[in-house]
Amino acid sequence: MLKIIGKPTGTPLGESEDLRGFASFDSLSFLEVLTWLEGEFGAEVPDDELRSEDFSSVGKIVDFVLGNGTEAGR
């Protein structure tokens, strides 16, 4: 995640820190996160469920993955 948003490694990323505040977290970065979630956790996100607010922080991404019946949420 740090690599995707461009935050230096070793710098803490708060669970509720708004990722949209990072200039490098753009639509391409959003797709990178989705691709990573699909590969890592089996998270399949239907297009009609894509809401930017569900992916605006690490905590919200975790909540989304756990709440959508993925391998991580089982």
Protein backbone atom coordinates (compact mmCIF):
# COMPACT_ATOMS: atom_id res chain seq x y z
CA MET A 1 0.00 0.00 0.00
CA LEU A 2 2.82 2.41 0.85
CA LYS A 3 4.35 1.79 -2.57
CA ILE A 4 1.04 2.41 -4.34
CA ILE A 5 0.35 5.73 -2.61
CA GLY A 6 3.95 6.88 -2.73
CA LYS A 7 4.50 7.13 1.03
CA PRO A 8 8.08 6.37 2.08
CA THR A 9 8.63 2.91 3.55
CA GLY A 10 9.00 3.04 7.30
CA THR A 11 6.53 5.90 7.57
CA PRO A 12 3.44 4.79 9.48
CA LEU A 13 0.16 4.84 7.62
CA GLY A 14 -2.74 5.40 9.98
CA GLU A 15 -5.75 3.12 9.68
CA SER A 16 -8.07 6.09 9.16
CA GLU A 17 -5.68 8.26 7.13
CA ASP A 18 -7.48 9.40 3.97
CA LEU A 19 -5.66 7.87 0.99
CA ARG A 20 -7.35 10.36 -1.33
CA GLY A 21 -5.13 13.03 0.23
CA PHE A 22 -2.08 11.56 -1.50
CA ALA A 23 -1.50 13.07 -4.93
CA SER A 24 -0.19 9.74 -6.19
CA PHE A 25 -3.38 7.88 -5.15
CA ASP A 26 -5.27 8.32 -8.38
CA SER A 27 -7.61 6.17 -10.45
CA LEU A 28 -4.75 3.94 -11.58
CA SER A 29 -3.66 3.43 -7.97
CA PHE A 30 -7.25 2.56 -7.09
CA LEU A 31 -7.18 -0.16 -9.76
CA GLU A 32 -3.84 -1.42 -8.43
CA VAL A 33 -5.39 -1.79 -4.97
CA LEU A 34 -8.38 -3.67 -6.42
CA THR A 35 -6.11 -6.00 -8.38
CA TRP A 36 -4.01 -6.65 -5.28
CA LEU A 37 -7.12 -7.37 -3.18
CA GLU A 38 -8.38 -9.82 -5.79
CA GLY A 39 -5.06 -11.66 -5.92
CA GLU A 40 -4.27 -11.61 -2.22
CA PHE A 41 -7.71 -12.21 -0.68
CA GLY A 42 -9.91 -13.43 -3.52
CA ALA A 43 -11.91 -10.20 -3.25
CA GLU A 44 -14.17 -9.83 -6.25
CA VAL A 45 -15.72 -6.40 -6.37
CA PRO A 46 -18.62 -6.02 -8.80
CA ASP A 47 -18.56 -2.73 -10.70
CA ASP A 48 -21.87 -1.67 -9.15
CA GLU A 49 -20.33 -1.97 -5.66
CA LEU A 50 -17.31 0.24 -6.37
CA ARG A 51 -17.60 3.28 -4.15
CA SER A 52 -14.55 5.43 -3.53
CA GLU A 53 -15.53 6.00 0.10
CA ASP A 54 -15.16 2.23 0.74
CA PHE A 55 -11.51 2.51 -0.31
CA SER A 56 -10.61 5.88 1.19
CA SER A 57 -8.50 4.47 4.05
CA VAL A 58 -6.77 1.26 5.04
CA GLY A 59 -9.40 0.67 7.73
CA LYS A 60 -12.25 1.03 5.24
CA ILE A 61 -10.53 -1.32 2.80
CA VAL A 62 -10.19 -3.92 5.57
CA ASP A 63 -13.86 -3.49 6.51
CA PHE A 64 -14.86 -3.87 2.86
CA VAL A 65 -12.81 -7.04 2.37
CA LEU A 66 -14.05 -8.61 5.60
CA GLY A 67 -17.65 -7.71 4.85
CA ASN A 68 -17.77 -9.14 1.34
CA GLY A 69 -17.31 -12.85 1.87
CA THR A 70 -13.71 -12.98 0.71
CA GLU A 71 -11.22 -15.59 1.82
CA ALA A 72 -9.97 -13.11 4.43
CA GLY A 73 -13.45 -12.61 5.80
CA ARG A 74 -14.19 -16.32 6.28
